Amino acid sequence: MNNLKTKKGFTSEYGFMCGYIEQIETKKIKLTMYSEYGIYHVQAYRYDEKSLISRNDCKIWNSYETLTEAKKEYKKLVKIFTK
């Protein structure tokens, strides 16, 4: 039987193929990693204080062919945005 999570608690390749995602969301940030048609997407949004124009201050969207590359980028962004 395939596992949806790795031993370290991260979504496995099988889990991503089943539609599971990795996501961290707070009042200031939203980090998401998911798979679509065999490509892994890593997205990051940092929300600024409300202003006259509602917008995201920072938006990153990178795509990777392998889970290893995507996971590396996702973990890097988690460290940057959750300090």
PDB file of N, CA and C in Angstrom:
ATOM      1  N   MET A   1       0.843  -1.194   0.000  1.00  0.00           N
ATOM      2  CA  MET A   1       0.000   0.000   0.000  1.00  0.00           C
ATOM      3  C   MET A   1       0.882   1.249   0.000  1.00  0.00           C
ATOM      4  N   ASN A   2       0.533   2.204  -0.824  1.00  0.00           N
ATOM      5  CA  ASN A   2       1.273   3.465  -0.891  1.00  0.00           C
ATOM      6  C   ASN A   2       0.834   4.394   0.237  1.00  0.00           C
ATOM      7  N   ASN A   3       1.778   5.138   0.759  1.00  0.00           N
ATOM      8  CA  ASN A   3       1.494   6.086   1.829  1.00  0.00           C
ATOM      9  C   ASN A   3       1.315   7.481   1.253  1.00  0.00           C
ATOM     10  N   LEU A   4       0.398   8.226   1.841  1.00  0.00           N
ATOM     11  CA  LEU A   4       0.159   9.600   1.403  1.00  0.00           C
ATOM     12  C   LEU A   4       1.187  10.558   1.977  1.00  0.00           C
ATOM     13  N   LYS A   5       1.827  10.176   3.079  1.00  0.00           N
ATOM     14  CA  LYS A   5       2.838  11.014   3.736  1.00  0.00           C
ATOM     15  C   LYS A   5       4.134  10.227   3.879  1.00  0.00           C
ATOM     16  N   THR A   6       5.249  10.958   3.897  1.00  0.00           N
ATOM     17  CA  THR A   6       6.547  10.337   4.142  1.00  0.00           C
ATOM     18  C   THR A   6       6.723  10.143   5.648  1.00  0.00           C
ATOM     19  N   LYS A   7       7.801   9.486   6.047  1.00  0.00           N
ATOM     20  CA  LYS A   7       8.076   9.289   7.472  1.00  0.00           C
ATOM     21  C   LYS A   7       8.262  10.607   8.209  1.00  0.00           C
ATOM     22  N   LYS A   8       8.715  11.633   7.497  1.00  0.00           N
ATOM     23  CA  LYS A   8       8.913  12.955   8.098  1.00  0.00           C
ATOM     24  C   LYS A   8       7.640  13.801   8.092  1.00  0.00           C
ATOM     25  N   GLY A   9       6.540  13.264   7.562  1.00  0.00           N
ATOM     26  CA  GLY A   9       5.267  13.973   7.583  1.00  0.00           C
ATOM     27  C   GLY A   9       4.969  14.819   6.364  1.00  0.00           C
ATOM     28  N   PHE A  10       5.853  14.797   5.369  1.00  0.00           N
ATOM     29  CA  PHE A  10       5.647  15.574   4.150  1.00  0.00           C
ATOM     30  C   PHE A  10       4.793  14.753   3.174  1.00  0.00           C
ATOM     31  N   THR A  11       3.983  15.401   2.371  1.00  0.00           N
ATOM     32  CA  THR A  11       3.167  14.687   1.381  1.00  0.00           C
ATOM     33  C   THR A  11       4.085  13.934   0.419  1.00  0.00           C
ATOM     34  N   SER A  12       3.762  12.664   0.166  1.00  0.00           N
ATOM     35  CA  SER A  12       4.578  11.837  -0.726  1.00  0.00           C
ATOM     36  C   SER A  12       4.202  12.097  -2.185  1.00  0.00           C
ATOM     37  N   GLU A  13       5.009  11.558  -3.083  1.00  0.00           N
ATOM     38  CA  GLU A  13       4.704  11.692  -4.509  1.00  0.00           C
ATOM     39  C   GLU A  13       3.331  11.102  -4.816  1.00  0.00           C
ATOM     40  N   TYR A  14       3.035   9.966  -4.211  1.00  0.00           N
ATOM     41  CA  TYR A  14       1.727   9.335  -4.374  1.00  0.00           C
ATOM     42  C   TYR A  14       0.615  10.248  -3.848  1.00  0.00           C
ATOM     43  N   GLY A  15       0.867  10.879  -2.707  1.00  0.00           N
ATOM     44  CA  GLY A  15      -0.109  11.803  -2.133  1.00  0.00           C
ATOM     45  C   GLY A  15      -0.409  12.965  -3.059  1.00  0.00           C
ATOM     46  N   PHE A  16       0.638  13.528  -3.661  1.00  0.00           N
ATOM     47  CA  PHE A  16       0.432  14.631  -4.606  1.00  0.00           C
ATOM     48  C   PHE A  16      -0.369  14.168  -5.819  1.00  0.00           C
ATOM     49  N   MET A  17      -0.089  12.958  -6.303  1.00  0.00           N
ATOM     50  CA  MET A  17      -0.820  12.439  -7.460  1.00  0.00           C
ATOM     51  C   MET A  17      -2.296  12.177  -7.128  1.00  0.00           C
ATOM     52  N   CYS A  18      -2.570  11.982  -5.832  1.00  0.00           N
ATOM     53  CA  CYS A  18      -3.956  11.791  -5.378  1.00  0.00           C
ATOM     54  C   CYS A  18      -4.665  13.123  -5.097  1.00  0.00           C
ATOM     55  N   GLY A  19      -3.947  14.244  -5.277  1.00  0.00           N
ATOM     56  CA  GLY A  19      -4.570  15.552  -5.104  1.00  0.00           C
ATOM     57  C   GLY A  19      -4.268  16.244  -3.789  1.00  0.00           C
ATOM     58  N   TYR A  20      -3.445  15.641  -2.935  1.00  0.00           N
ATOM     59  CA  TYR A  20      -3.088  16.282  -1.677  1.00  0.00           C
ATOM     60  C   TYR A  20      -2.135  17.451  -1.938  1.00  0.00           C
ATOM     61  N   ILE A  21      -2.109  18.407  -1.000  1.00  0.00           N
ATOM     62  CA  ILE A  21      -1.223  19.567  -1.122  1.00  0.00           C
ATOM     63  C   ILE A  21      -0.483  19.778   0.186  1.00  0.00           C
ATOM     64  N   GLU A  22       0.592  20.549   0.129  1.00  0.00           N
ATOM     65  CA  GLU A  22       1.277  21.059   1.312  1.00  0.00           C
ATOM     66  C   GLU A  22       0.918  22.529   1.386  1.00  0.00           C
ATOM     67  N   GLN A  23       0.515  23.000   2.575  1.00  0.00           N
ATOM     68  CA  GLN A  23       0.151  24.413   2.683  1.00  0.00           C
ATOM     69  C   GLN A  23       0.365  24.919   4.092  1.00  0.00           C
ATOM     70  N   ILE A  24       0.884  26.131   4.182  1.00  0.00           N
ATOM     71  CA  ILE A  24       1.020  26.862   5.434  1.00  0.00           C
ATOM     72  C   ILE A  24       0.363  28.214   5.199  1.00  0.00           C
ATOM     73  N   GLU A  25      -0.526  28.593   6.112  1.00  0.00           N
ATOM     74  CA  GLU A  25      -1.203  29.886   5.948  1.00  0.00           C
ATOM     75  C   GLU A  25      -1.342  30.566   7.302  1.00  0.00           C
ATOM     76  N   THR A  26      -0.946  31.830   7.325  1.00  0.00           N
ATOM     77  CA  THR A  26      -1.131  32.673   8.505  1.00  0.00           C
ATOM     78  C   THR A  26      -1.783  33.972   8.030  1.00  0.00           C
ATOM     79  N   LYS A  27      -1.890  34.938   8.924  1.00  0.00           N
ATOM     80  CA  LYS A  27      -2.453  36.229   8.535  1.00  0.00           C
ATOM     81  C   LYS A  27      -1.559  36.956   7.545  1.00  0.00           C
ATOM     82  N   LYS A  28      -0.252  36.644   7.547  1.00  0.00           N
ATOM     83  CA  LYS A  28       0.692  37.378   6.708  1.00  0.00           C
ATOM     84  C   LYS A  28       1.193  36.609   5.493  1.00  0.00           C
ATOM     85  N   ILE A  29       1.131  35.267   5.521  1.00  0.00           N
ATOM     86  CA  ILE A  29       1.686  34.491   4.413  1.00  0.00           C
ATOM     87  C   ILE A  29       0.786  33.321   4.026  1.00  0.00           C
ATOM     88  N   LYS A  30       0.991  32.862   2.805  1.00  0.00           N
ATOM     89  CA  LYS A  30       0.352  31.630   2.341  1.00  0.00           C
ATOM     90  C   LYS A  30       1.360  30.938   1.420  1.00  0.00           C
ATOM     91  N   LEU A  31       1.795  29.748   1.818  1.00  0.00           N
ATOM     92  CA  LEU A  31       2.722  28.946   1.021  1.00  0.00           C
ATOM     93  C   LEU A  31       2.006  27.668   0.610  1.00  0.00           C
ATOM     94  N   THR A  32       2.052  27.352  -0.662  1.00  0.00           N
ATOM     95  CA  THR A  32       1.353  26.181  -1.183  1.00  0.00           C
ATOM     96  C   THR A  32       2.240  25.416  -2.144  1.00  0.00           C
ATOM     97  N   MET A  33       2.152  24.090  -2.071  1.00  0.00           N
ATOM     98  CA  MET A  33       2.837  23.220  -3.025  1.00  0.00           C
ATOM     99  C   MET A  33       1.853  22.143  -3.447  1.00  0.00           C
ATOM    100  N   TYR A  34       1.713  21.966  -4.762  1.00  0.00           N
ATOM    101  CA  TYR A  34       0.787  20.969  -5.290  1.00  0.00           C
ATOM    102  C   TYR A  34       1.291  20.451  -6.629  1.00  0.00           C
ATOM    103  N   SER A  35       0.672  19.379  -7.089  1.00  0.00           N
ATOM    104  CA  SER A  35       1.049  18.782  -8.367  1.00  0.00           C
ATOM    105  C   SER A  35      -0.118  18.862  -9.333  1.00  0.00           C
ATOM    106  N   GLU A  36       0.206  19.153 -10.592  1.00  0.00           N
ATOM    107  CA  GLU A  36      -0.808  19.231 -11.631  1.00  0.00           C
ATOM    108  C   GLU A  36      -0.196  18.708 -12.925  1.00  0.00           C
ATOM    109  N   TYR A  37      -0.745  17.631 -13.451  1.00  0.00           N
ATOM    110  CA  TYR A  37      -0.259  17.007 -14.686  1.00  0.00           C
ATOM    111  C   TYR A  37       1.229  16.660 -14.617  1.00  0.00           C
ATOM    112  N   GLY A  38       1.667  16.174 -13.447  1.00  0.00           N
ATOM    113  CA  GLY A  38       3.052  15.740 -13.290  1.00  0.00           C
ATOM    114  C   GLY A  38       4.058  16.850 -13.060  1.00  0.00           C
ATOM    115  N   ILE A  39       3.596  18.080 -12.933  1.00  0.00           N
ATOM    116  CA  ILE A  39       4.464  19.224 -12.642  1.00  0.00           C
ATOM    117  C   ILE A  39       4.139  19.706 -11.232  1.00  0.00           C
ATOM    118  N   TYR A  40       5.174  19.998 -10.466  1.00  0.00           N
ATOM    119  CA  TYR A  40       4.989  20.471  -9.092  1.00  0.00           C
ATOM    120  C   TYR A  40       5.069  21.987  -9.059  1.00  0.00           C
ATOM    121  N   HIS A  41       4.083  22.603  -8.426  1.00  0.00           N
ATOM    122  CA  HIS A  41       4.003  24.061  -8.336  1.00  0.00           C
ATOM    123  C   HIS A  41       4.219  24.491  -6.888  1.00  0.00           C
ATOM    124  N   VAL A  42       5.035  25.537  -6.710  1.00  0.00           N
ATOM    125  CA  VAL A  42       5.291  26.123  -5.400  1.00  0.00           C
ATOM    126  C   VAL A  42       4.880  27.586  -5.491  1.00  0.00           C
ATOM    127  N   GLN A  43       3.938  27.970  -4.639  1.00  0.00           N
ATOM    128  CA  GLN A  43       3.438  29.346  -4.645  1.00  0.00           C
ATOM    129  C   GLN A  43       3.639  29.969  -3.268  1.00  0.00           C
ATOM    130  N   ALA A  44       3.965  31.251  -3.265  1.00  0.00           N
ATOM    131  CA  ALA A  44       4.129  31.993  -2.013  1.00  0.00           C
ATOM    132  C   ALA A  44       3.484  33.367  -2.158  1.00  0.00           C
ATOM    133  N   TYR A  45       2.700  33.734  -1.166  1.00  0.00           N
ATOM    134  CA  TYR A  45       2.080  35.054  -1.105  1.00  0.00           C
ATOM    135  C   TYR A  45       2.378  35.647   0.257  1.00  0.00           C
ATOM    136  N   ARG A  46       2.781  36.902   0.278  1.00  0.00           N
ATOM    137  CA  ARG A  46       2.952  37.623   1.540  1.00  0.00           C
ATOM    138  C   ARG A  46       1.981  38.795   1.495  1.00  0.00           C
ATOM    139  N   TYR A  47       1.106  38.850   2.477  1.00  0.00           N
ATOM    140  CA  TYR A  47       0.094  39.895   2.510  1.00  0.00           C
ATOM    141  C   TYR A  47       0.589  41.083   3.323  1.00  0.00           C
ATOM    142  N   ASP A  48       0.491  42.269   2.758  1.00  0.00           N
ATOM    143  CA  ASP A  48       0.830  43.487   3.484  1.00  0.00           C
ATOM    144  C   ASP A  48      -0.386  43.958   4.255  1.00  0.00           C
ATOM    145  N   GLU A  49      -0.175  44.999   5.025  1.00  0.00           N
ATOM    146  CA  GLU A  49      -1.290  45.630   5.713  1.00  0.00           C
ATOM    147  C   GLU A  49      -2.279  46.129   4.665  1.00  0.00           C
ATOM    148  N   LYS A  50      -3.533  46.187   5.036  1.00  0.00           N
ATOM    149  CA  LYS A  50      -4.560  46.650   4.096  1.00  0.00           C
ATOM    150  C   LYS A  50      -4.262  48.080   3.666  1.00  0.00           C
ATOM    151  N   SER A  51      -4.387  48.312   2.388  1.00  0.00           N
ATOM    152  CA  SER A  51      -4.179  49.658   1.859  1.00  0.00           C
ATOM    153  C   SER A  51      -5.379  50.003   0.986  1.00  0.00           C
ATOM    154  N   LEU A  52      -5.295  51.113   0.311  1.00  0.00           N
ATOM    155  CA  LEU A  52      -6.395  51.512  -0.565  1.00  0.00           C
ATOM    156  C   LEU A  52      -6.608  50.495  -1.685  1.00  0.00           C
ATOM    157  N   ILE A  53      -5.522  49.921  -2.137  1.00  0.00           N
ATOM    158  CA  ILE A  53      -5.612  48.897  -3.171  1.00  0.00           C
ATOM    159  C   ILE A  53      -5.305  47.562  -2.514  1.00  0.00           C
ATOM    160  N   SER A  54      -6.260  46.653  -2.540  1.00  0.00           N
ATOM    161  CA  SER A  54      -6.050  45.336  -1.951  1.00  0.00           C
ATOM    162  C   SER A  54      -5.199  44.507  -2.909  1.00  0.00           C
ATOM    163  N   ARG A  55      -4.021  44.095  -2.447  1.00  0.00           N
ATOM    164  CA  ARG A  55      -3.123  43.334  -3.312  1.00  0.00           C
ATOM    165  C   ARG A  55      -2.201  42.465  -2.467  1.00  0.00           C
ATOM    166  N   ASN A  56      -1.525  41.563  -3.129  1.00  0.00           N
ATOM    167  CA  ASN A  56      -0.489  40.774  -2.472  1.00  0.00           C
ATOM    168  C   ASN A  56       0.832  41.503  -2.675  1.00  0.00           C
ATOM    169  N   ASP A  57       1.568  41.680  -1.616  1.00  0.00           N
ATOM    170  CA  ASP A  57       2.848  42.374  -1.710  1.00  0.00           C
ATOM    171  C   ASP A  57       3.876  41.529  -2.457  1.00  0.00           C
ATOM    172  N   CYS A  58       3.867  40.246  -2.224  1.00  0.00           N
ATOM    173  CA  CYS A  58       4.871  39.373  -2.827  1.00  0.00           C
ATOM    174  C   CYS A  58       4.183  38.132  -3.371  1.00  0.00           C
ATOM    175  N   LYS A  59       4.466  37.795  -4.607  1.00  0.00           N
ATOM    176  CA  LYS A  59       3.863  36.613  -5.198  1.00  0.00           C
ATOM    177  C   LYS A  59       4.945  35.840  -5.951  1.00  0.00           C
ATOM    178  N   ILE A  60       5.119  34.595  -5.559  1.00  0.00           N
ATOM    179  CA  ILE A  60       6.086  33.721  -6.212  1.00  0.00           C
ATOM    180  C   ILE A  60       5.332  32.497  -6.713  1.00  0.00           C
ATOM    181  N   TRP A  61       5.619  32.095  -7.927  1.00  0.00           N
ATOM    182  CA  TRP A  61       5.012  30.890  -8.473  1.00  0.00           C
ATOM    183  C   TRP A  61       6.051  30.220  -9.357  1.00  0.00           C
ATOM    184  N   ASN A  62       6.646  29.149  -8.839  1.00  0.00           N
ATOM    185  CA  ASN A  62       7.654  28.400  -9.575  1.00  0.00           C
ATOM    186  C   ASN A  62       7.151  26.983  -9.836  1.00  0.00           C
ATOM    187  N   SER A  63       7.561  26.418 -10.956  1.00  0.00           N
ATOM    188  CA  SER A  63       7.152  25.065 -11.330  1.00  0.00           C
ATOM    189  C   SER A  63       8.385  24.192 -11.523  1.00  0.00           C
ATOM    190  N   TYR A  64       8.263  22.926 -11.119  1.00  0.00           N
ATOM    191  CA  TYR A  64       9.387  21.989 -11.168  1.00  0.00           C
ATOM    192  C   TYR A  64       8.932  20.643 -11.728  1.00  0.00           C
ATOM    193  N   GLU A  65       9.861  19.966 -12.381  1.00  0.00           N
ATOM    194  CA  GLU A  65       9.557  18.653 -12.953  1.00  0.00           C
ATOM    195  C   GLU A  65       9.696  17.530 -11.941  1.00  0.00           C
ATOM    196  N   THR A  66      10.471  17.757 -10.873  1.00  0.00           N
ATOM    197  CA  THR A  66      10.654  16.701  -9.880  1.00  0.00           C
ATOM    198  C   THR A  66      10.193  17.164  -8.499  1.00  0.00           C
ATOM    199  N   LEU A  67       9.762  16.206  -7.712  1.00  0.00           N
ATOM    200  CA  LEU A  67       9.342  16.495  -6.345  1.00  0.00           C
ATOM    201  C   LEU A  67      10.523  16.982  -5.513  1.00  0.00           C
ATOM    202  N   THR A  68      11.693  16.440  -5.731  1.00  0.00           N
ATOM    203  CA  THR A  68      12.883  16.827  -4.978  1.00  0.00           C
ATOM    204  C   THR A  68      13.178  18.316  -5.140  1.00  0.00           C
ATOM    205  N   GLU A  69      13.138  18.804  -6.374  1.00  0.00           N
ATOM    206  CA  GLU A  69      13.393  20.236  -6.622  1.00  0.00           C
ATOM    207  C   GLU A  69      12.320  21.097  -5.979  1.00  0.00           C
ATOM    208  N   ALA A  70      11.070  20.709  -6.135  1.00  0.00           N
ATOM    209  CA  ALA A  70       9.961  21.486  -5.592  1.00  0.00           C
ATOM    210  C   ALA A  70       9.998  21.513  -4.069  1.00  0.00           C
ATOM    211  N   LYS A  71      10.288  20.371  -3.468  1.00  0.00           N
ATOM    212  CA  LYS A  71      10.349  20.286  -2.008  1.00  0.00           C
ATOM    213  C   LYS A  71      11.471  21.169  -1.459  1.00  0.00           C
ATOM    214  N   LYS A  72      12.594  21.197  -2.138  1.00  0.00           N
ATOM    215  CA  LYS A  72      13.733  22.031  -1.729  1.00  0.00           C
ATOM    216  C   LYS A  72      13.323  23.508  -1.728  1.00  0.00           C
ATOM    217  N   GLU A  73      12.663  23.955  -2.794  1.00  0.00           N
ATOM    218  CA  GLU A  73      12.207  25.347  -2.889  1.00  0.00           C
ATOM    219  C   GLU A  73      11.155  25.656  -1.832  1.00  0.00           C
ATOM    220  N   TYR A  74      10.210  24.749  -1.629  1.00  0.00           N
ATOM    221  CA  TYR A  74       9.142  24.940  -0.647  1.00  0.00           C
ATOM    222  C   TYR A  74       9.734  25.102   0.753  1.00  0.00           C
ATOM    223  N   LYS A  75      10.653  24.211   1.121  1.00  0.00           N
ATOM    224  CA  LYS A  75      11.264  24.284   2.447  1.00  0.00           C
ATOM    225  C   LYS A  75      12.072  25.565   2.618  1.00  0.00           C
ATOM    226  N   LYS A  76      12.739  26.022   1.547  1.00  0.00           N
ATOM    227  CA  LYS A  76      13.485  27.275   1.594  1.00  0.00           C
ATOM    228  C   LYS A  76      12.537  28.446   1.857  1.00  0.00           C
ATOM    229  N   LEU A  77      11.408  28.469   1.164  1.00  0.00           N
ATOM    230  CA  LEU A  77      10.439  29.554   1.358  1.00  0.00           C
ATOM    231  C   LEU A  77       9.809  29.499   2.737  1.00  0.00           C
ATOM    232  N   VAL A  78       9.578  28.316   3.273  1.00  0.00           N
ATOM    233  CA  VAL A  78       9.043  28.193   4.632  1.00  0.00           C
ATOM    234  C   VAL A  78      10.003  28.848   5.618  1.00  0.00           C
ATOM    235  N   LYS A  79      11.293  28.593   5.471  1.00  0.00           N
ATOM    236  CA  LYS A  79      12.288  29.196   6.361  1.00  0.00           C
ATOM    237  C   LYS A  79      12.303  30.718   6.229  1.00  0.00           C
ATOM    238  N   ILE A  80      12.219  31.212   4.989  1.00  0.00           N
ATOM    239  CA  ILE A  80      12.262  32.664   4.758  1.00  0.00           C
ATOM    240  C   ILE A  80      11.028  33.362   5.327  1.00  0.00           C
ATOM    241  N   PHE A  81       9.854  32.835   5.027  1.00  0.00           N
ATOM    242  CA  PHE A  81       8.614  33.540   5.360  1.00  0.00           C
ATOM    243  C   PHE A  81       8.110  33.279   6.773  1.00  0.00           C
ATOM    244  N   THR A  82       8.604  32.273   7.461  1.00  0.00           N
ATOM    245  CA  THR A  82       8.090  32.006   8.806  1.00  0.00           C
ATOM    246  C   THR A  82       9.065  32.395   9.906  1.00  0.00           C
ATOM    247  N   LYS A  83      10.040  33.230   9.587  1.00  0.00           N
ATOM    248  CA  LYS A  83      10.984  33.717  10.612  1.00  0.00           C
ATOM    249  C   LYS A  83      10.304  34.667  11.544  1.00  0.00           C
TER     250      LYS A  83
END
